[in-house]
Amino acid sequence: MYKSFVYGWIQVLEAIKHIHCSRGVLPMVDEVTLELTRGGRNYDNRYTEFFFRNGGKVEFAIDGLIHAAKDSEEFFDVYYEDAGSDYEALPEHPLDDLWDFVRYHFLGPKGNVPKGPF
């Protein structure tokens, strides 16, 4: 794997983080792509272009993050640490643990976006 590809992958993750943290919105594929290509932040276009030119996709990064969150006990421990009993008191929702629904929301219908090489 080329170092430039990895750096491009890292820039995609940084763009996802920036969109979510600074704007408070969900990082959808089009927004992340626009964030990377409009040149507003300190993204190195060489790495971004190399990443996309060599098969990299924003969809793969988002799919990888969903996969990591689904399998991570640490994610839930850290995220809900401050909520404590408030979180535990919430009623169970029918969509709890339906990660395919989350994937569908971010990436579209099953089959449109194949699972990525995360």
PDB file of N, CA and C in Angstrom:
ATOM      1  N   MET A   1       0.849  -1.165   0.000  1.00  0.00           N
ATOM      2  CA  MET A   1       0.000   0.000   0.000  1.00  0.00           C
ATOM      3  C   MET A   1       0.899   1.233   0.000  1.00  0.00           C
ATOM      4  N   TYR A   2       0.535   2.191  -0.805  1.00  0.00           N
ATOM      5  CA  TYR A   2       1.320   3.406  -0.914  1.00  0.00           C
ATOM      6  C   TYR A   2       1.045   4.353   0.250  1.00  0.00           C
ATOM      7  N   LYS A   3       2.090   5.014   0.691  1.00  0.00           N
ATOM      8  CA  LYS A   3       1.976   5.974   1.780  1.00  0.00           C
ATOM      9  C   LYS A   3       0.994   7.094   1.409  1.00  0.00           C
ATOM     10  N   SER A   4       1.009   7.522   0.168  1.00  0.00           N
ATOM     11  CA  SER A   4       0.105   8.588  -0.277  1.00  0.00           C
ATOM     12  C   SER A   4      -1.352   8.169  -0.166  1.00  0.00           C
ATOM     13  N   PHE A   5      -1.636   6.895  -0.406  1.00  0.00           N
ATOM     14  CA  PHE A   5      -3.002   6.391  -0.280  1.00  0.00           C
ATOM     15  C   PHE A   5      -3.448   6.439   1.182  1.00  0.00           C
ATOM     16  N   VAL A   6      -2.565   6.021   2.075  1.00  0.00           N
ATOM     17  CA  VAL A   6      -2.877   6.054   3.510  1.00  0.00           C
ATOM     18  C   VAL A   6      -3.105   7.486   3.976  1.00  0.00           C
ATOM     19  N   TYR A   7      -2.277   8.408   3.524  1.00  0.00           N
ATOM     20  CA  TYR A   7      -2.461   9.811   3.899  1.00  0.00           C
ATOM     21  C   TYR A   7      -3.791  10.350   3.358  1.00  0.00           C
ATOM     22  N   GLY A   8      -4.168   9.917   2.164  1.00  0.00           N
ATOM     23  CA  GLY A   8      -5.471  10.304   1.617  1.00  0.00           C
ATOM     24  C   GLY A   8      -6.605   9.765   2.463  1.00  0.00           C
ATOM     25  N   TRP A   9      -6.468   8.507   2.901  1.00  0.00           N
ATOM     26  CA  TRP A   9      -7.461   7.868   3.781  1.00  0.00           C
ATOM     27  C   TRP A   9      -7.583   8.669   5.083  1.00  0.00           C
ATOM     28  N   ILE A  10      -6.458   9.070   5.633  1.00  0.00           N
ATOM     29  CA  ILE A  10      -6.456   9.854   6.879  1.00  0.00           C
ATOM     30  C   ILE A  10      -7.163  11.193   6.662  1.00  0.00           C
ATOM     31  N   GLN A  11      -6.942  11.812   5.520  1.00  0.00           N
ATOM     32  CA  GLN A  11      -7.614  13.080   5.236  1.00  0.00           C
ATOM     33  C   GLN A  11      -9.129  12.893   5.152  1.00  0.00           C
ATOM     34  N   VAL A  12      -9.574  11.773   4.612  1.00  0.00           N
ATOM     35  CA  VAL A  12     -11.019  11.492   4.576  1.00  0.00           C
ATOM     36  C   VAL A  12     -11.559  11.407   5.999  1.00  0.00           C
ATOM     37  N   LEU A  13     -10.844  10.709   6.872  1.00  0.00           N
ATOM     38  CA  LEU A  13     -11.282  10.599   8.266  1.00  0.00           C
ATOM     39  C   LEU A  13     -11.274  11.960   8.961  1.00  0.00           C
ATOM     40  N   GLU A  14     -10.283  12.780   8.661  1.00  0.00           N
ATOM     41  CA  GLU A  14     -10.232  14.132   9.238  1.00  0.00           C
ATOM     42  C   GLU A  14     -11.398  14.985   8.745  1.00  0.00           C
ATOM     43  N   ALA A  15     -11.766  14.844   7.476  1.00  0.00           N
ATOM     44  CA  ALA A  15     -12.903  15.594   6.935  1.00  0.00           C
ATOM     45  C   ALA A  15     -14.204  15.142   7.601  1.00  0.00           C
ATOM     46  N   ILE A  16     -14.352  13.848   7.834  1.00  0.00           N
ATOM     47  CA  ILE A  16     -15.535  13.329   8.528  1.00  0.00           C
ATOM     48  C   ILE A  16     -15.607  13.918   9.925  1.00  0.00           C
ATOM     49  N   LYS A  17     -14.493  13.915  10.620  1.00  0.00           N
ATOM     50  CA  LYS A  17     -14.446  14.475  11.973  1.00  0.00           C
ATOM     51  C   LYS A  17     -14.773  15.963  11.964  1.00  0.00           C
ATOM     52  N   HIS A  18     -14.198  16.697  11.023  1.00  0.00           N
ATOM     53  CA  HIS A  18     -14.431  18.136  10.955  1.00  0.00           C
ATOM     54  C   HIS A  18     -15.911  18.443  10.711  1.00  0.00           C
ATOM     55  N   ILE A  19     -16.526  17.740   9.789  1.00  0.00           N
ATOM     56  CA  ILE A  19     -17.944  17.973   9.487  1.00  0.00           C
ATOM     57  C   ILE A  19     -18.803  17.682  10.700  1.00  0.00           C
ATOM     58  N   HIS A  20     -18.529  16.575  11.350  1.00  0.00           N
ATOM     59  CA  HIS A  20     -19.347  16.190  12.507  1.00  0.00           C
ATOM     60  C   HIS A  20     -19.126  17.114  13.708  1.00  0.00           C
ATOM     61  N   CYS A  21     -17.884  17.414  14.012  1.00  0.00           N
ATOM     62  CA  CYS A  21     -17.580  18.194  15.220  1.00  0.00           C
ATOM     63  C   CYS A  21     -17.840  19.688  15.051  1.00  0.00           C
ATOM     64  N   SER A  22     -17.451  20.269  13.936  1.00  0.00           N
ATOM     65  CA  SER A  22     -17.580  21.721  13.805  1.00  0.00           C
ATOM     66  C   SER A  22     -18.966  22.159  13.335  1.00  0.00           C
ATOM     67  N   ARG A  23     -19.594  21.354  12.511  1.00  0.00           N
ATOM     68  CA  ARG A  23     -20.904  21.741  11.987  1.00  0.00           C
ATOM     69  C   ARG A  23     -22.050  21.070  12.727  1.00  0.00           C
ATOM     70  N   GLY A  24     -21.759  19.993  13.443  1.00  0.00           N
ATOM     71  CA  GLY A  24     -22.786  19.282  14.189  1.00  0.00           C
ATOM     72  C   GLY A  24     -23.769  18.532  13.300  1.00  0.00           C
ATOM     73  N   VAL A  25     -23.334  18.161  12.103  1.00  0.00           N
ATOM     74  CA  VAL A  25     -24.197  17.399  11.200  1.00  0.00           C
ATOM     75  C   VAL A  25     -23.550  16.049  10.910  1.00  0.00           C
ATOM     76  N   LEU A  26     -24.346  15.149  10.370  1.00  0.00           N
ATOM     77  CA  LEU A  26     -23.824  13.841  10.023  1.00  0.00           C
ATOM     78  C   LEU A  26     -22.983  13.947   8.751  1.00  0.00           C
ATOM     79  N   PRO A  27     -21.846  13.290   8.718  1.00  0.00           N
ATOM     80  CA  PRO A  27     -20.946  13.381   7.561  1.00  0.00           C
ATOM     81  C   PRO A  27     -21.384  12.476   6.418  1.00  0.00           C
ATOM     82  N   MET A  28     -22.219  12.997   5.553  1.00  0.00           N
ATOM     83  CA  MET A  28     -22.685  12.233   4.402  1.00  0.00           C
ATOM     84  C   MET A  28     -21.608  12.250   3.310  1.00  0.00           C
ATOM     85  N   VAL A  29     -21.666  11.304   2.404  1.00  0.00           N
ATOM     86  CA  VAL A  29     -20.629  11.113   1.387  1.00  0.00           C
ATOM     87  C   VAL A  29     -20.386  12.385   0.574  1.00  0.00           C
ATOM     88  N   ASP A  30     -21.446  13.015   0.098  1.00  0.00           N
ATOM     89  CA  ASP A  30     -21.280  14.213  -0.737  1.00  0.00           C
ATOM     90  C   ASP A  30     -20.629  15.359   0.035  1.00  0.00           C
ATOM     91  N   GLU A  31     -21.021  15.523   1.307  1.00  0.00           N
ATOM     92  CA  GLU A  31     -20.431  16.595   2.120  1.00  0.00           C
ATOM     93  C   GLU A  31     -18.947  16.354   2.363  1.00  0.00           C
ATOM     94  N   VAL A  32     -18.579  15.116   2.627  1.00  0.00           N
ATOM     95  CA  VAL A  32     -17.171  14.790   2.879  1.00  0.00           C
ATOM     96  C   VAL A  32     -16.359  15.024   1.603  1.00  0.00           C
ATOM     97  N   THR A  33     -16.880  14.597   0.472  1.00  0.00           N
ATOM     98  CA  THR A  33     -16.189  14.797  -0.802  1.00  0.00           C
ATOM     99  C   THR A  33     -16.014  16.283  -1.083  1.00  0.00           C
ATOM    100  N   LEU A  34     -17.052  17.067  -0.864  1.00  0.00           N
ATOM    101  CA  LEU A  34     -16.966  18.513  -1.071  1.00  0.00           C
ATOM    102  C   LEU A  34     -15.954  19.140  -0.119  1.00  0.00           C
ATOM    103  N   GLU A  35     -15.962  18.717   1.118  1.00  0.00           N
ATOM    104  CA  GLU A  35     -15.005  19.231   2.110  1.00  0.00           C
ATOM    105  C   GLU A  35     -13.573  18.985   1.645  1.00  0.00           C
ATOM    106  N   LEU A  36     -13.315  17.825   1.089  1.00  0.00           N
ATOM    107  CA  LEU A  36     -11.964  17.469   0.653  1.00  0.00           C
ATOM    108  C   LEU A  36     -11.544  18.189  -0.622  1.00  0.00           C
ATOM    109  N   THR A  37     -12.480  18.426  -1.504  1.00  0.00           N
ATOM    110  CA  THR A  37     -12.110  18.941  -2.821  1.00  0.00           C
ATOM    111  C   THR A  37     -12.195  20.459  -2.950  1.00  0.00           C
ATOM    112  N   ARG A  38     -12.879  21.127  -2.064  1.00  0.00           N
ATOM    113  CA  ARG A  38     -12.995  22.582  -2.212  1.00  0.00           C
ATOM    114  C   ARG A  38     -11.770  23.329  -1.696  1.00  0.00           C
ATOM    115  N   GLY A  39     -10.909  22.659  -0.944  1.00  0.00           N
ATOM    116  CA  GLY A  39      -9.641  23.257  -0.532  1.00  0.00           C
ATOM    117  C   GLY A  39      -9.729  24.275   0.578  1.00  0.00           C
ATOM    118  N   GLY A  40     -10.765  24.226   1.388  1.00  0.00           N
ATOM    119  CA  GLY A  40     -10.925  25.212   2.448  1.00  0.00           C
ATOM    120  C   GLY A  40     -10.021  24.996   3.647  1.00  0.00           C
ATOM    121  N   ARG A  41      -9.677  23.779   3.915  1.00  0.00           N
ATOM    122  CA  ARG A  41      -8.826  23.471   5.067  1.00  0.00           C
ATOM    123  C   ARG A  41      -7.449  23.036   4.587  1.00  0.00           C
ATOM    124  N   ASN A  42      -6.672  22.517   5.480  1.00  0.00           N
ATOM    125  CA  ASN A  42      -5.297  22.138   5.154  1.00  0.00           C
ATOM    126  C   ASN A  42      -5.190  20.717   4.612  1.00  0.00           C
ATOM    127  N   TYR A  43      -6.055  20.359   3.679  1.00  0.00           N
ATOM    128  CA  TYR A  43      -5.955  19.045   3.049  1.00  0.00           C
ATOM    129  C   TYR A  43      -4.969  19.153   1.892  1.00  0.00           C
ATOM    130  N   ASP A  44      -4.120  18.162   1.767  1.00  0.00           N
ATOM    131  CA  ASP A  44      -3.144  18.137   0.688  1.00  0.00           C
ATOM    132  C   ASP A  44      -3.793  17.468  -0.529  1.00  0.00           C
ATOM    133  N   ASN A  45      -4.033  18.237  -1.568  1.00  0.00           N
ATOM    134  CA  ASN A  45      -4.716  17.726  -2.759  1.00  0.00           C
ATOM    135  C   ASN A  45      -3.994  16.551  -3.397  1.00  0.00           C
ATOM    136  N   ARG A  46      -2.689  16.502  -3.254  1.00  0.00           N
ATOM    137  CA  ARG A  46      -1.942  15.379  -3.836  1.00  0.00           C
ATOM    138  C   ARG A  46      -2.405  14.064  -3.233  1.00  0.00           C
ATOM    139  N   TYR A  47      -2.575  14.040  -1.914  1.00  0.00           N
ATOM    140  CA  TYR A  47      -3.005  12.813  -1.244  1.00  0.00           C
ATOM    141  C   TYR A  47      -4.462  12.499  -1.542  1.00  0.00           C
ATOM    142  N   THR A  48      -5.310  13.520  -1.542  1.00  0.00           N
ATOM    143  CA  THR A  48      -6.728  13.308  -1.823  1.00  0.00           C
ATOM    144  C   THR A  48      -6.908  12.772  -3.242  1.00  0.00           C
ATOM    145  N   GLU A  49      -6.251  13.389  -4.206  1.00  0.00           N
ATOM    146  CA  GLU A  49      -6.365  12.942  -5.590  1.00  0.00           C
ATOM    147  C   GLU A  49      -5.803  11.538  -5.770  1.00  0.00           C
ATOM    148  N   PHE A  50      -4.675  11.237  -5.117  1.00  0.00           N
ATOM    149  CA  PHE A  50      -4.090   9.901  -5.211  1.00  0.00           C
ATOM    150  C   PHE A  50      -5.048   8.868  -4.633  1.00  0.00           C
ATOM    151  N   PHE A  51      -5.654   9.189  -3.500  1.00  0.00           N
ATOM    152  CA  PHE A  51      -6.603   8.290  -2.840  1.00  0.00           C
ATOM    153  C   PHE A  51      -7.774   7.960  -3.773  1.00  0.00           C
ATOM    154  N   PHE A  52      -8.414   8.985  -4.334  1.00  0.00           N
ATOM    155  CA  PHE A  52      -9.567   8.768  -5.207  1.00  0.00           C
ATOM    156  C   PHE A  52      -9.166   8.111  -6.527  1.00  0.00           C
ATOM    157  N   ARG A  53      -8.044   8.498  -7.073  1.00  0.00           N
ATOM    158  CA  ARG A  53      -7.585   7.959  -8.352  1.00  0.00           C
ATOM    159  C   ARG A  53      -7.247   6.474  -8.262  1.00  0.00           C
ATOM    160  N   ASN A  54      -6.887   6.006  -7.072  1.00  0.00           N
ATOM    161  CA  ASN A  54      -6.466   4.618  -6.896  1.00  0.00           C
ATOM    162  C   ASN A  54      -7.496   3.771  -6.161  1.00  0.00           C
ATOM    163  N   GLY A  55      -8.757   4.117  -6.322  1.00  0.00           N
ATOM    164  CA  GLY A  55      -9.840   3.270  -5.818  1.00  0.00           C
ATOM    165  C   GLY A  55     -10.359   3.617  -4.444  1.00  0.00           C
ATOM    166  N   GLY A  56      -9.832   4.638  -3.801  1.00  0.00           N
ATOM    167  CA  GLY A  56     -10.331   5.036  -2.500  1.00  0.00           C
ATOM    168  C   GLY A  56     -11.699   5.685  -2.620  1.00  0.00           C
ATOM    169  N   LYS A  57     -12.541   5.437  -1.643  1.00  0.00           N
ATOM    170  CA  LYS A  57     -13.893   6.003  -1.637  1.00  0.00           C
ATOM    171  C   LYS A  57     -14.230   6.484  -0.246  1.00  0.00           C
ATOM    172  N   VAL A  58     -14.942   7.581  -0.184  1.00  0.00           N
ATOM    173  CA  VAL A  58     -15.444   8.081   1.095  1.00  0.00           C
ATOM    174  C   VAL A  58     -16.353   7.025   1.722  1.00  0.00           C
ATOM    175  N   GLU A  59     -17.103   6.321   0.887  1.00  0.00           N
ATOM    176  CA  GLU A  59     -18.015   5.286   1.368  1.00  0.00           C
ATOM    177  C   GLU A  59     -17.282   4.225   2.180  1.00  0.00           C
ATOM    178  N   PHE A  60     -16.068   3.873   1.751  1.00  0.00           N
ATOM    179  CA  PHE A  60     -15.305   2.856   2.473  1.00  0.00           C
ATOM    180  C   PHE A  60     -14.935   3.343   3.874  1.00  0.00           C
ATOM    181  N   ALA A  61     -14.563   4.620   3.978  1.00  0.00           N
ATOM    182  CA  ALA A  61     -14.196   5.174   5.284  1.00  0.00           C
ATOM    183  C   ALA A  61     -15.411   5.211   6.216  1.00  0.00           C
ATOM    184  N   ILE A  62     -16.558   5.667   5.700  1.00  0.00           N
ATOM    185  CA  ILE A  62     -17.769   5.713   6.518  1.00  0.00           C
ATOM    186  C   ILE A  62     -18.189   4.304   6.923  1.00  0.00           C
ATOM    187  N   ASP A  63     -18.126   3.365   5.981  1.00  0.00           N
ATOM    188  CA  ASP A  63     -18.471   1.979   6.285  1.00  0.00           C
ATOM    189  C   ASP A  63     -17.547   1.408   7.352  1.00  0.00           C
ATOM    190  N   GLY A  64     -16.264   1.731   7.262  1.00  0.00           N
ATOM    191  CA  GLY A  64     -15.305   1.275   8.273  1.00  0.00           C
ATOM    192  C   GLY A  64     -15.605   1.844   9.652  1.00  0.00           C
ATOM    193  N   LEU A  65     -15.991   3.117   9.706  1.00  0.00           N
ATOM    194  CA  LEU A  65     -16.337   3.730  10.993  1.00  0.00           C
ATOM    195  C   LEU A  65     -17.586   3.100  11.589  1.00  0.00           C
ATOM    196  N   ILE A  66     -18.575   2.817  10.746  1.00  0.00           N
ATOM    197  CA  ILE A  66     -19.793   2.140  11.227  1.00  0.00           C
ATOM    198  C   ILE A  66     -19.432   0.763  11.774  1.00  0.00           C
ATOM    199  N   HIS A  67     -18.616   0.045  11.038  1.00  0.00           N
ATOM    200  CA  HIS A  67     -18.185  -1.290  11.459  1.00  0.00           C
ATOM    201  C   HIS A  67     -17.432  -1.230  12.793  1.00  0.00           C
ATOM    202  N   ALA A  68     -16.537  -0.254  12.925  1.00  0.00           N
ATOM    203  CA  ALA A  68     -15.766  -0.118  14.164  1.00  0.00           C
ATOM    204  C   ALA A  68     -16.668   0.248  15.340  1.00  0.00           C
ATOM    205  N   ALA A  69     -17.627   1.148  15.111  1.00  0.00           N
ATOM    206  CA  ALA A  69     -18.544   1.535  16.188  1.00  0.00           C
ATOM    207  C   ALA A  69     -19.416   0.366  16.615  1.00  0.00           C
ATOM    208  N   LYS A  70     -19.879  -0.399  15.654  1.00  0.00           N
ATOM    209  CA  LYS A  70     -20.732  -1.557  15.946  1.00  0.00           C
ATOM    210  C   LYS A  70     -20.017  -2.569  16.845  1.00  0.00           C
ATOM    211  N   ASP A  71     -18.754  -2.802  16.587  1.00  0.00           N
ATOM    212  CA  ASP A  71     -18.004  -3.832  17.308  1.00  0.00           C
ATOM    213  C   ASP A  71     -17.250  -3.310  18.522  1.00  0.00           C
ATOM    214  N   SER A  72     -17.400  -2.026  18.844  1.00  0.00           N
ATOM    215  CA  SER A  72     -16.591  -1.435  19.899  1.00  0.00           C
ATOM    216  C   SER A  72     -17.361  -1.232  21.187  1.00  0.00           C
ATOM    217  N   GLU A  73     -16.963  -1.947  22.202  1.00  0.00           N
ATOM    218  CA  GLU A  73     -17.528  -1.707  23.536  1.00  0.00           C
ATOM    219  C   GLU A  73     -16.994  -0.387  24.082  1.00  0.00           C
ATOM    220  N   GLU A  74     -15.746  -0.074  23.750  1.00  0.00           N
ATOM    221  CA  GLU A  74     -15.125   1.170  24.225  1.00  0.00           C
ATOM    222  C   GLU A  74     -15.887   2.392  23.719  1.00  0.00           C
ATOM    223  N   PHE A  75     -16.347   2.349  22.468  1.00  0.00           N
ATOM    224  CA  PHE A  75     -17.106   3.459  21.896  1.00  0.00           C
ATOM    225  C   PHE A  75     -18.310   3.779  22.779  1.00  0.00           C
ATOM    226  N   PHE A  76     -19.055   2.774  23.148  1.00  0.00           N
ATOM    227  CA  PHE A  76     -20.251   3.005  23.942  1.00  0.00           C
ATOM    228  C   PHE A  76     -19.916   3.393  25.378  1.00  0.00           C
ATOM    229  N   ASP A  77     -18.865   2.825  25.925  1.00  0.00           N
ATOM    230  CA  ASP A  77     -18.462   3.187  27.289  1.00  0.00           C
ATOM    231  C   ASP A  77     -18.060   4.659  27.368  1.00  0.00           C
ATOM    232  N   VAL A  78     -17.285   5.134  26.401  1.00  0.00           N
ATOM    233  CA  VAL A  78     -16.837   6.523  26.408  1.00  0.00           C
ATOM    234  C   VAL A  78     -17.985   7.462  26.088  1.00  0.00           C
ATOM    235  N   TYR A  79     -18.778   7.111  25.077  1.00  0.00           N
ATOM    236  CA  TYR A  79     -19.840   7.988  24.624  1.00  0.00           C
ATOM    237  C   TYR A  79     -20.917   8.184  25.686  1.00  0.00           C
ATOM    238  N   TYR A  80     -21.230   7.142  26.415  1.00  0.00           N
ATOM    239  CA  TYR A  80     -22.319   7.215  27.382  1.00  0.00           C
ATOM    240  C   TYR A  80     -21.838   7.323  28.824  1.00  0.00           C
ATOM    241  N   GLU A  81     -20.540   7.504  29.011  1.00  0.00           N
ATOM    242  CA  GLU A  81     -19.973   7.579  30.356  1.00  0.00           C
ATOM    243  C   GLU A  81     -20.630   8.681  31.178  1.00  0.00           C
ATOM    244  N   ASP A  82     -20.787   9.863  30.588  1.00  0.00           N
ATOM    245  CA  ASP A  82     -21.367  10.987  31.309  1.00  0.00           C
ATOM    246  C   ASP A  82     -22.876  10.847  31.487  1.00  0.00           C
ATOM    247  N   ALA A  83     -23.517  10.078  30.615  1.00  0.00           N
ATOM    248  CA  ALA A  83     -24.969   9.945  30.697  1.00  0.00           C
ATOM    249  C   ALA A  83     -25.392   9.085  31.889  1.00  0.00           C
ATOM    250  N   GLY A  84     -24.597   8.080  32.213  1.00  0.00           N
ATOM    251  CA  GLY A  84     -24.852   7.229  33.370  1.00  0.00           C
ATOM    252  C   GLY A  84     -26.260   6.682  33.426  1.00  0.00           C
ATOM    253  N   SER A  85     -26.960   6.938  34.530  1.00  0.00           N
ATOM    254  CA  SER A  85     -28.289   6.375  34.745  1.00  0.00           C
ATOM    255  C   SER A  85     -29.319   6.951  33.775  1.00  0.00           C
ATOM    256  N   ASP A  86     -29.081   8.161  33.276  1.00  0.00           N
ATOM    257  CA  ASP A  86     -30.013   8.729  32.292  1.00  0.00           C
ATOM    258  C   ASP A  86     -30.074   7.846  31.049  1.00  0.00           C
ATOM    259  N   TYR A  87     -28.920   7.385  30.613  1.00  0.00           N
ATOM    260  CA  TYR A  87     -28.882   6.517  29.437  1.00  0.00           C
ATOM    261  C   TYR A  87     -29.541   5.177  29.733  1.00  0.00           C
ATOM    262  N   GLU A  88     -29.226   4.623  30.882  1.00  0.00           N
ATOM    263  CA  GLU A  88     -29.793   3.319  31.251  1.00  0.00           C
ATOM    264  C   GLU A  88     -31.309   3.380  31.390  1.00  0.00           C
ATOM    265  N   ALA A  89     -31.848   4.555  31.740  1.00  0.00           N
ATOM    266  CA  ALA A  89     -33.289   4.700  31.937  1.00  0.00           C
ATOM    267  C   ALA A  89     -34.059   4.854  30.627  1.00  0.00           C
ATOM    268  N   LEU A  90     -33.366   5.081  29.524  1.00  0.00           N
ATOM    269  CA  LEU A  90     -34.052   5.236  28.243  1.00  0.00           C
ATOM    270  C   LEU A  90     -34.733   3.930  27.846  1.00  0.00           C
ATOM    271  N   PRO A  91     -35.925   4.024  27.267  1.00  0.00           N
ATOM    272  CA  PRO A  91     -36.591   2.787  26.812  1.00  0.00           C
ATOM    273  C   PRO A  91     -35.863   2.212  25.597  1.00  0.00           C
ATOM    274  N   GLU A  92     -35.963   0.928  25.441  1.00  0.00           N
ATOM    275  CA  GLU A  92     -35.344   0.289  24.283  1.00  0.00           C
ATOM    276  C   GLU A  92     -36.123   0.685  23.038  1.00  0.00           C
ATOM    277  N   HIS A  93     -35.381   0.983  21.994  1.00  0.00           N
ATOM    278  CA  HIS A  93     -35.994   1.406  20.735  1.00  0.00           C
ATOM    279  C   HIS A  93     -35.943   0.245  19.743  1.00  0.00           C
ATOM    280  N   PRO A  94     -36.963   0.102  18.890  1.00  0.00           N
ATOM    281  CA  PRO A  94     -36.949  -1.007  17.921  1.00  0.00           C
ATOM    282  C   PRO A  94     -35.755  -0.986  16.963  1.00  0.00           C
ATOM    283  N   LEU A  95     -35.146   0.182  16.776  1.00  0.00           N
ATOM    284  CA  LEU A  95     -34.004   0.269  15.861  1.00  0.00           C
ATOM    285  C   LEU A  95     -32.657   0.088  16.557  1.00  0.00           C
ATOM    286  N   ASP A  96     -32.674  -0.113  17.875  1.00  0.00           N
ATOM    287  CA  ASP A  96     -31.415  -0.370  18.581  1.00  0.00           C
ATOM    288  C   ASP A  96     -30.737  -1.590  17.983  1.00  0.00           C
ATOM    289  N   ASP A  97     -29.455  -1.472  17.775  1.00  0.00           N
ATOM    290  CA  ASP A  97     -28.614  -2.553  17.250  1.00  0.00           C
ATOM    291  C   ASP A  97     -28.941  -2.963  15.823  1.00  0.00           C
ATOM    292  N   LEU A  98     -29.678  -2.140  15.086  1.00  0.00           N
ATOM    293  CA  LEU A  98     -29.923  -2.424  13.670  1.00  0.00           C
ATOM    294  C   LEU A  98     -28.933  -1.611  12.835  1.00  0.00           C
ATOM    295  N   TRP A  99     -27.718  -2.101  12.786  1.00  0.00           N
ATOM    296  CA  TRP A  99     -26.635  -1.382  12.140  1.00  0.00           C
ATOM    297  C   TRP A  99     -26.802  -1.311  10.631  1.00  0.00           C
ATOM    298  N   ASP A 100     -27.560  -2.244  10.051  1.00  0.00           N
ATOM    299  CA  ASP A 100     -27.825  -2.155   8.618  1.00  0.00           C
ATOM    300  C   ASP A 100     -28.660  -0.907   8.306  1.00  0.00           C
ATOM    301  N   PHE A 101     -29.516  -0.518   9.253  1.00  0.00           N
ATOM    302  CA  PHE A 101     -30.306   0.699   9.085  1.00  0.00           C
ATOM    303  C   PHE A 101     -29.390   1.924   9.091  1.00  0.00           C
ATOM    304  N   VAL A 102     -28.408   1.935   9.979  1.00  0.00           N
ATOM    305  CA  VAL A 102     -27.440   3.036  10.038  1.00  0.00           C
ATOM    306  C   VAL A 102     -26.650   3.080   8.730  1.00  0.00           C
ATOM    307  N   ARG A 103     -26.207   1.925   8.293  1.00  0.00           N
ATOM    308  CA  ARG A 103     -25.440   1.843   7.040  1.00  0.00           C
ATOM    309  C   ARG A 103     -26.289   2.321   5.868  1.00  0.00           C
ATOM    310  N   TYR A 104     -27.557   1.932   5.841  1.00  0.00           N
ATOM    311  CA  TYR A 104     -28.470   2.359   4.779  1.00  0.00           C
ATOM    312  C   TYR A 104     -28.606   3.881   4.773  1.00  0.00           C
ATOM    313  N   HIS A 105     -28.717   4.473   5.964  1.00  0.00           N
ATOM    314  CA  HIS A 105     -28.872   5.922   6.050  1.00  0.00           C
ATOM    315  C   HIS A 105     -27.666   6.652   5.451  1.00  0.00           C
ATOM    316  N   PHE A 106     -26.478   6.175   5.768  1.00  0.00           N
ATOM    317  CA  PHE A 106     -25.259   6.840   5.300  1.00  0.00           C
ATOM    318  C   PHE A 106     -24.885   6.470   3.868  1.00  0.00           C
ATOM    319  N   LEU A 107     -25.124   5.218   3.488  1.00  0.00           N
ATOM    320  CA  LEU A 107     -24.557   4.715   2.237  1.00  0.00           C
ATOM    321  C   LEU A 107     -25.576   4.266   1.195  1.00  0.00           C
ATOM    322  N   GLY A 108     -26.840   4.298   1.493  1.00  0.00           N
ATOM    323  CA  GLY A 108     -27.855   3.927   0.524  1.00  0.00           C
ATOM    324  C   GLY A 108     -28.269   2.465   0.625  1.00  0.00           C
ATOM    325  N   PRO A 109     -29.143   2.072  -0.281  1.00  0.00           N
ATOM    326  CA  PRO A 109     -29.688   0.717  -0.246  1.00  0.00           C
ATOM    327  C   PRO A 109     -28.608  -0.358  -0.327  1.00  0.00           C
ATOM    328  N   LYS A 110     -28.893  -1.464   0.298  1.00  0.00           N
ATOM    329  CA  LYS A 110     -27.957  -2.594   0.289  1.00  0.00           C
ATOM    330  C   LYS A 110     -27.651  -2.969  -1.166  1.00  0.00           C
ATOM    331  N   GLY A 111     -26.407  -3.111  -1.451  1.00  0.00           N
ATOM    332  CA  GLY A 111     -25.994  -3.466  -2.795  1.00  0.00           C
ATOM    333  C   GLY A 111     -25.470  -2.278  -3.587  1.00  0.00           C
ATOM    334  N   ASN A 112     -25.937  -1.066  -3.275  1.00  0.00           N
ATOM    335  CA  ASN A 112     -25.425   0.110  -3.998  1.00  0.00           C
ATOM    336  C   ASN A 112     -23.982   0.395  -3.650  1.00  0.00           C
ATOM    337  N   VAL A 113     -23.644   0.197  -2.401  1.00  0.00           N
ATOM    338  CA  VAL A 113     -22.276   0.438  -1.930  1.00  0.00           C
ATOM    339  C   VAL A 113     -21.758  -0.859  -1.327  1.00  0.00           C
ATOM    340  N   PRO A 114     -20.829  -1.505  -2.002  1.00  0.00           N
ATOM    341  CA  PRO A 114     -20.297  -2.746  -1.436  1.00  0.00           C
ATOM    342  C   PRO A 114     -19.507  -2.453  -0.166  1.00  0.00           C
ATOM    343  N   LYS A 115     -19.412  -3.451   0.674  1.00  0.00           N
ATOM    344  CA  LYS A 115     -18.626  -3.276   1.900  1.00  0.00           C
ATOM    345  C   LYS A 115     -17.188  -2.957   1.520  1.00  0.00           C
ATOM    346  N   GLY A 116     -16.634  -2.000   2.245  1.00  0.00           N
ATOM    347  CA  GLY A 116     -15.299  -1.507   1.908  1.00  0.00           C
ATOM    348  C   GLY A 116     -14.174  -2.314   2.520  1.00  0.00           C
ATOM    349  N   PRO A 117     -12.983  -2.078   2.038  1.00  0.00           N
ATOM    350  CA  PRO A 117     -11.795  -2.763   2.570  1.00  0.00           C
ATOM    351  C   PRO A 117     -11.245  -2.048   3.789  1.00  0.00           C
ATOM    352  N   PHE A 118     -11.991  -2.064   4.900  1.00  0.00           N
ATOM    353  CA  PHE A 118     -11.526  -1.364   6.088  1.00  0.00           C
ATOM    354  C   PHE A 118     -10.677  -2.276   6.937  1.00  0.00           C
TER     355      PHE A 118
END
